[in-house]
Amino acid sequence: MKTSVLLLGLLLSGYAQGDSVVYICDSGHAKRYHLRDDCRGLHNCTHHIVKISLGEAKRSGRTLCDFDGK
């Protein structure tokens, strides 16, 4: 029973993360995602800034911007 509850909690937390919206620079070289569309880390983006799900950003190998993590 404990295992089922733990597994359900992990699944639900992953689902919630996938629904969160983050921002990325739509460039082939960008490696970070941003929590806010006005993040300092996006100021140098010369391509489009795109809104995607947190889950999608993580699946594509992006990590949290250093400015957002502080």
PDB file of N, CA and C in Angstrom:
ATOM      1  N   MET A   1       0.827  -1.194   0.000  1.00  0.00           N
ATOM      2  CA  MET A   1       0.000   0.000   0.000  1.00  0.00           C
ATOM      3  C   MET A   1       0.872   1.259   0.000  1.00  0.00           C
ATOM      4  N   LYS A   2       1.920   1.256   0.836  1.00  0.00           N
ATOM      5  CA  LYS A   2       2.810   2.417   0.876  1.00  0.00           C
ATOM      6  C   LYS A   2       3.454   2.654  -0.487  1.00  0.00           C
ATOM      7  N   THR A   3       3.837   1.568  -1.149  1.00  0.00           N
ATOM      8  CA  THR A   3       4.472   1.687  -2.452  1.00  0.00           C
ATOM      9  C   THR A   3       3.510   2.295  -3.463  1.00  0.00           C
ATOM     10  N   SER A   4       2.249   1.878  -3.413  1.00  0.00           N
ATOM     11  CA  SER A   4       1.249   2.423  -4.341  1.00  0.00           C
ATOM     12  C   SER A   4       1.048   3.917  -4.130  1.00  0.00           C
ATOM     13  N   VAL A   5       0.988   4.324  -2.871  1.00  0.00           N
ATOM     14  CA  VAL A   5       0.795   5.741  -2.559  1.00  0.00           C
ATOM     15  C   VAL A   5       2.015   6.545  -2.998  1.00  0.00           C
ATOM     16  N   LEU A   6       3.197   6.013  -2.755  1.00  0.00           N
ATOM     17  CA  LEU A   6       4.427   6.685  -3.162  1.00  0.00           C
ATOM     18  C   LEU A   6       4.501   6.802  -4.680  1.00  0.00           C
ATOM     19  N   LEU A   7       4.180   5.733  -5.382  1.00  0.00           N
ATOM     20  CA  LEU A   7       4.203   5.754  -6.840  1.00  0.00           C
ATOM     21  C   LEU A   7       3.189   6.747  -7.393  1.00  0.00           C
ATOM     22  N   LEU A   8       2.001   6.771  -6.821  1.00  0.00           N
ATOM     23  CA  LEU A   8       0.978   7.723  -7.250  1.00  0.00           C
ATOM     24  C   LEU A   8       1.456   9.156  -7.026  1.00  0.00           C
ATOM     25  N   GLY A   9       2.081   9.413  -5.893  1.00  0.00           N
ATOM     26  CA  GLY A   9       2.609  10.750  -5.602  1.00  0.00           C
ATOM     27  C   GLY A   9       3.679  11.164  -6.596  1.00  0.00           C
ATOM     28  N   LEU A  10       4.562  10.250  -6.945  1.00  0.00           N
ATOM     29  CA  LEU A  10       5.608  10.557  -7.920  1.00  0.00           C
ATOM     30  C   LEU A  10       5.012  10.832  -9.301  1.00  0.00           C
ATOM     31  N   LEU A  11       4.027  10.059  -9.695  1.00  0.00           N
ATOM     32  CA  LEU A  11       3.383  10.275 -10.982  1.00  0.00           C
ATOM     33  C   LEU A  11       2.680  11.624 -11.032  1.00  0.00           C
ATOM     34  N   LEU A  12       1.975  11.957  -9.968  1.00  0.00           N
ATOM     35  CA  LEU A  12       1.254  13.220  -9.927  1.00  0.00           C
ATOM     36  C   LEU A  12       2.202  14.409  -9.904  1.00  0.00           C
ATOM     37  N   SER A  13       3.314  14.281  -9.207  1.00  0.00           N
ATOM     38  CA  SER A  13       4.271  15.390  -9.172  1.00  0.00           C
ATOM     39  C   SER A  13       4.913  15.586 -10.534  1.00  0.00           C
ATOM     40  N   GLY A  14       5.161  14.515 -11.267  1.00  0.00           N
ATOM     41  CA  GLY A  14       5.691  14.628 -12.621  1.00  0.00           C
ATOM     42  C   GLY A  14       4.680  15.250 -13.558  1.00  0.00           C
ATOM     43  N   TYR A  15       3.417  14.927 -13.365  1.00  0.00           N
ATOM     44  CA  TYR A  15       2.354  15.502 -14.191  1.00  0.00           C
ATOM     45  C   TYR A  15       2.254  16.992 -13.940  1.00  0.00           C
ATOM     46  N   ALA A  16       2.342  17.407 -12.686  1.00  0.00           N
ATOM     47  CA  ALA A  16       2.254  18.829 -12.351  1.00  0.00           C
ATOM     48  C   ALA A  16       3.430  19.591 -12.949  1.00  0.00           C
ATOM     49  N   GLN A  17       4.613  18.997 -12.921  1.00  0.00           N
ATOM     50  CA  GLN A  17       5.779  19.661 -13.500  1.00  0.00           C
ATOM     51  C   GLN A  17       5.607  19.843 -14.995  1.00  0.00           C
ATOM     52  N   GLY A  18       5.016  18.853 -15.660  1.00  0.00           N
ATOM     53  CA  GLY A  18       4.820  18.930 -17.094  1.00  0.00           C
ATOM     54  C   GLY A  18       3.865  20.045 -17.479  1.00  0.00           C
ATOM     55  N   ASP A  19       2.981  20.422 -16.575  1.00  0.00           N
ATOM     56  CA  ASP A  19       1.995  21.460 -16.865  1.00  0.00           C
ATOM     57  C   ASP A  19       2.539  22.856 -16.603  1.00  0.00           C
ATOM     58  N   SER A  20       3.619  22.987 -15.848  1.00  0.00           N
ATOM     59  CA  SER A  20       4.195  24.295 -15.562  1.00  0.00           C
ATOM     60  C   SER A  20       4.751  24.889 -16.847  1.00  0.00           C
ATOM     61  N   VAL A  21       4.628  26.184 -16.990  1.00  0.00           N
ATOM     62  CA  VAL A  21       5.099  26.869 -18.189  1.00  0.00           C
ATOM     63  C   VAL A  21       6.448  27.511 -17.908  1.00  0.00           C
ATOM     64  N   VAL A  22       7.382  27.328 -18.832  1.00  0.00           N
ATOM     65  CA  VAL A  22       8.696  27.965 -18.762  1.00  0.00           C
ATOM     66  C   VAL A  22       8.979  28.601 -20.115  1.00  0.00           C
ATOM     67  N   TYR A  23      10.064  29.343 -20.187  1.00  0.00           N
ATOM     68  CA  TYR A  23      10.413  30.081 -21.398  1.00  0.00           C
ATOM     69  C   TYR A  23      11.802  29.667 -21.854  1.00  0.00           C
ATOM     70  N   ILE A  24      11.955  29.534 -23.159  1.00  0.00           N
ATOM     71  CA  ILE A  24      13.252  29.174 -23.725  1.00  0.00           C
ATOM     72  C   ILE A  24      13.564  30.093 -24.899  1.00  0.00           C
ATOM     73  N   CYS A  25      14.843  30.226 -25.189  1.00  0.00           N
ATOM     74  CA  CYS A  25      15.280  30.910 -26.406  1.00  0.00           C
ATOM     75  C   CYS A  25      15.289  29.849 -27.496  1.00  0.00           C
ATOM     76  N   ASP A  26      14.560  30.086 -28.572  1.00  0.00           N
ATOM     77  CA  ASP A  26      14.417  29.118 -29.655  1.00  0.00           C
ATOM     78  C   ASP A  26      15.651  29.159 -30.561  1.00  0.00           C
ATOM     79  N   SER A  27      16.762  28.745 -29.995  1.00  0.00           N
ATOM     80  CA  SER A  27      18.037  28.723 -30.701  1.00  0.00           C
ATOM     81  C   SER A  27      18.612  27.315 -30.568  1.00  0.00           C
ATOM     82  N   GLY A  28      19.340  26.883 -31.532  1.00  0.00           N
ATOM     83  CA  GLY A  28      19.949  25.560 -31.474  1.00  0.00           C
ATOM     84  C   GLY A  28      21.019  25.432 -30.405  1.00  0.00           C
ATOM     85  N   HIS A  29      21.493  26.552 -29.890  1.00  0.00           N
ATOM     86  CA  HIS A  29      22.584  26.528 -28.907  1.00  0.00           C
ATOM     87  C   HIS A  29      22.119  26.752 -27.478  1.00  0.00           C
ATOM     88  N   ALA A  30      20.903  27.208 -27.278  1.00  0.00           N
ATOM     89  CA  ALA A  30      20.404  27.511 -25.923  1.00  0.00           C
ATOM     90  C   ALA A  30      20.231  26.221 -25.132  1.00  0.00           C
ATOM     91  N   LYS A  31      20.647  26.228 -23.879  1.00  0.00           N
ATOM     92  CA  LYS A  31      20.616  25.029 -23.039  1.00  0.00           C
ATOM     93  C   LYS A  31      19.809  25.214 -21.761  1.00  0.00           C
ATOM     94  N   ARG A  32      19.242  26.382 -21.553  1.00  0.00           N
ATOM     95  CA  ARG A  32      18.556  26.690 -20.294  1.00  0.00           C
ATOM     96  C   ARG A  32      17.081  26.970 -20.508  1.00  0.00           C
ATOM     97  N   TYR A  33      16.297  26.772 -19.446  1.00  0.00           N
ATOM     98  CA  TYR A  33      14.914  27.233 -19.448  1.00  0.00           C
ATOM     99  C   TYR A  33      14.768  28.277 -18.352  1.00  0.00           C
ATOM    100  N   HIS A  34      13.770  29.118 -18.467  1.00  0.00           N
ATOM    101  CA  HIS A  34      13.598  30.271 -17.592  1.00  0.00           C
ATOM    102  C   HIS A  34      12.188  30.278 -17.012  1.00  0.00           C
ATOM    103  N   LEU A  35      12.067  30.667 -15.767  1.00  0.00           N
ATOM    104  CA  LEU A  35      10.779  30.674 -15.100  1.00  0.00           C
ATOM    105  C   LEU A  35       9.952  31.909 -15.447  1.00  0.00           C
ATOM    106  N   ARG A  36      10.621  32.968 -15.867  1.00  0.00           N
ATOM    107  CA  ARG A  36       9.921  34.222 -16.203  1.00  0.00           C
ATOM    108  C   ARG A  36      10.334  34.664 -17.601  1.00  0.00           C
ATOM    109  N   ASP A  37       9.407  35.276 -18.315  1.00  0.00           N
ATOM    110  CA  ASP A  37       9.733  35.731 -19.672  1.00  0.00           C
ATOM    111  C   ASP A  37      10.620  36.968 -19.664  1.00  0.00           C
ATOM    112  N   ASP A  38      10.775  37.612 -18.502  1.00  0.00           N
ATOM    113  CA  ASP A  38      11.655  38.780 -18.402  1.00  0.00           C
ATOM    114  C   ASP A  38      12.961  38.454 -17.658  1.00  0.00           C
ATOM    115  N   CYS A  39      13.317  37.178 -17.624  1.00  0.00           N
ATOM    116  CA  CYS A  39      14.552  36.745 -16.948  1.00  0.00           C
ATOM    117  C   CYS A  39      15.766  37.383 -17.615  1.00  0.00           C
ATOM    118  N   ARG A  40      16.742  37.762 -16.810  1.00  0.00           N
ATOM    119  CA  ARG A  40      17.988  38.347 -17.328  1.00  0.00           C
ATOM    120  C   ARG A  40      18.677  37.437 -18.331  1.00  0.00           C
ATOM    121  N   GLY A  41      18.557  36.136 -18.119  1.00  0.00           N
ATOM    122  CA  GLY A  41      19.209  35.168 -19.000  1.00  0.00           C
ATOM    123  C   GLY A  41      18.656  35.149 -20.412  1.00  0.00           C
ATOM    124  N   LEU A  42      17.479  35.690 -20.609  1.00  0.00           N
ATOM    125  CA  LEU A  42      16.876  35.733 -21.943  1.00  0.00           C
ATOM    126  C   LEU A  42      17.195  37.017 -22.702  1.00  0.00           C
ATOM    127  N   HIS A  43      17.824  37.971 -22.059  1.00  0.00           N
ATOM    128  CA  HIS A  43      18.089  39.258 -22.710  1.00  0.00           C
ATOM    129  C   HIS A  43      19.006  39.145 -23.918  1.00  0.00           C
ATOM    130  N   ASN A  44      19.863  38.144 -23.963  1.00  0.00           N
ATOM    131  CA  ASN A  44      20.785  37.986 -25.088  1.00  0.00           C
ATOM    132  C   ASN A  44      20.217  37.115 -26.202  1.00  0.00           C
ATOM    133  N   CYS A  45      18.982  36.671 -26.056  1.00  0.00           N
ATOM    134  CA  CYS A  45      18.370  35.812 -27.069  1.00  0.00           C
ATOM    135  C   CYS A  45      18.103  36.623 -28.335  1.00  0.00           C
ATOM    136  N   THR A  46      18.702  36.209 -29.438  1.00  0.00           N
ATOM    137  CA  THR A  46      18.485  36.896 -30.709  1.00  0.00           C
ATOM    138  C   THR A  46      17.441  36.170 -31.558  1.00  0.00           C
ATOM    139  N   HIS A  47      16.915  35.057 -31.042  1.00  0.00           N
ATOM    140  CA  HIS A  47      15.864  34.298 -31.709  1.00  0.00           C
ATOM    141  C   HIS A  47      14.547  34.566 -30.981  1.00  0.00           C
ATOM    142  N   HIS A  48      13.539  33.809 -31.283  1.00  0.00           N
ATOM    143  CA  HIS A  48      12.255  33.962 -30.608  1.00  0.00           C
ATOM    144  C   HIS A  48      12.300  33.356 -29.211  1.00  0.00           C
ATOM    145  N   ILE A  49      11.577  33.943 -28.279  1.00  0.00           N
ATOM    146  CA  ILE A  49      11.391  33.371 -26.948  1.00  0.00           C
ATOM    147  C   ILE A  49      10.089  32.591 -27.000  1.00  0.00           C
ATOM    148  N   VAL A  50      10.164  31.320 -26.627  1.00  0.00           N
ATOM    149  CA  VAL A  50       9.040  30.404 -26.762  1.00  0.00           C
ATOM    150  C   VAL A  50       8.588  29.924 -25.390  1.00  0.00           C
ATOM    151  N   LYS A  51       7.287  29.795 -25.218  1.00  0.00           N
ATOM    152  CA  LYS A  51       6.706  29.277 -23.984  1.00  0.00           C
ATOM    153  C   LYS A  51       6.436  27.777 -24.189  1.00  0.00           C
ATOM    154  N   ILE A  52       6.999  26.917 -23.309  1.00  0.00           N
ATOM    155  CA  ILE A  52       6.785  25.479 -23.392  1.00  0.00           C
ATOM    156  C   ILE A  52       6.544  24.930 -21.987  1.00  0.00           C
ATOM    157  N   SER A  53       6.196  23.667 -21.896  1.00  0.00           N
ATOM    158  CA  SER A  53       5.986  23.046 -20.591  1.00  0.00           C
ATOM    159  C   SER A  53       7.333  22.726 -19.946  1.00  0.00           C
ATOM    160  N   LEU A  54       7.339  22.689 -18.635  1.00  0.00           N
ATOM    161  CA  LEU A  54       8.562  22.346 -17.901  1.00  0.00           C
ATOM    162  C   LEU A  54       9.017  20.942 -18.263  1.00  0.00           C
ATOM    163  N   GLY A  55       8.081  20.027 -18.373  1.00  0.00           N
ATOM    164  CA  GLY A  55       8.432  18.652 -18.739  1.00  0.00           C
ATOM    165  C   GLY A  55       9.116  18.576 -20.096  1.00  0.00           C
ATOM    166  N   GLU A  56       8.606  19.322 -21.062  1.00  0.00           N
ATOM    167  CA  GLU A  56       9.205  19.344 -22.391  1.00  0.00           C
ATOM    168  C   GLU A  56      10.611  19.932 -22.349  1.00  0.00           C
ATOM    169  N   ALA A  57      10.789  20.986 -21.566  1.00  0.00           N
ATOM    170  CA  ALA A  57      12.113  21.605 -21.436  1.00  0.00           C
ATOM    171  C   ALA A  57      13.120  20.620 -20.837  1.00  0.00           C
ATOM    172  N   LYS A  58      12.691  19.894 -19.821  1.00  0.00           N
ATOM    173  CA  LYS A  58      13.586  18.919 -19.184  1.00  0.00           C
ATOM    174  C   LYS A  58      13.882  17.746 -20.107  1.00  0.00           C
ATOM    175  N   ARG A  59      12.865  17.277 -20.835  1.00  0.00           N
ATOM    176  CA  ARG A  59      13.076  16.165 -21.771  1.00  0.00           C
ATOM    177  C   ARG A  59      14.052  16.541 -22.878  1.00  0.00           C
ATOM    178  N   SER A  60      14.105  17.820 -23.218  1.00  0.00           N
ATOM    179  CA  SER A  60      15.036  18.256 -24.266  1.00  0.00           C
ATOM    180  C   SER A  60      16.432  18.520 -23.709  1.00  0.00           C
ATOM    181  N   GLY A  61      16.636  18.250 -22.420  1.00  0.00           N
ATOM    182  CA  GLY A  61      17.969  18.372 -21.826  1.00  0.00           C
ATOM    183  C   GLY A  61      18.302  19.748 -21.281  1.00  0.00           C
ATOM    184  N   ARG A  62      17.331  20.628 -21.239  1.00  0.00           N
ATOM    185  CA  ARG A  62      17.592  21.982 -20.724  1.00  0.00           C
ATOM    186  C   ARG A  62      17.590  21.971 -19.193  1.00  0.00           C
ATOM    187  N   THR A  63      18.348  22.884 -18.629  1.00  0.00           N
ATOM    188  CA  THR A  63      18.416  23.021 -17.172  1.00  0.00           C
ATOM    189  C   THR A  63      17.988  24.437 -16.778  1.00  0.00           C
ATOM    190  N   LEU A  64      17.684  24.605 -15.511  1.00  0.00           N
ATOM    191  CA  LEU A  64      17.217  25.896 -15.000  1.00  0.00           C
ATOM    192  C   LEU A  64      18.308  26.947 -15.138  1.00  0.00           C
ATOM    193  N   CYS A  65      17.909  28.120 -15.577  1.00  0.00           N
ATOM    194  CA  CYS A  65      18.817  29.262 -15.701  1.00  0.00           C
ATOM    195  C   CYS A  65      19.391  29.610 -14.328  1.00  0.00           C
ATOM    196  N   ASP A  66      20.654  29.976 -14.298  1.00  0.00           N
ATOM    197  CA  ASP A  66      21.311  30.355 -13.040  1.00  0.00           C
ATOM    198  C   ASP A  66      20.654  31.575 -12.394  1.00  0.00           C
ATOM    199  N   PHE A  67      20.138  32.494 -13.183  1.00  0.00           N
ATOM    200  CA  PHE A  67      19.504  33.690 -12.612  1.00  0.00           C
ATOM    201  C   PHE A  67      18.185  33.343 -11.929  1.00  0.00           C
ATOM    202  N   ASP A  68      17.452  32.352 -12.448  1.00  0.00           N
ATOM    203  CA  ASP A  68      16.191  31.939 -11.847  1.00  0.00           C
ATOM    204  C   ASP A  68      16.406  31.092 -10.598  1.00  0.00           C
ATOM    205  N   GLY A  69      17.518  30.402 -10.527  1.00  0.00           N
ATOM    206  CA  GLY A  69      17.770  29.499  -9.418  1.00  0.00           C
ATOM    207  C   GLY A  69      18.234  30.179  -8.148  1.00  0.00           C
ATOM    208  N   LYS A  70      18.463  31.483  -8.189  1.00  0.00           N
ATOM    209  CA  LYS A  70      18.985  32.191  -7.011  1.00  0.00           C
ATOM    210  C   LYS A  70      17.883  32.806  -6.217  1.00  0.00           C
TER     211      LYS A  70
END
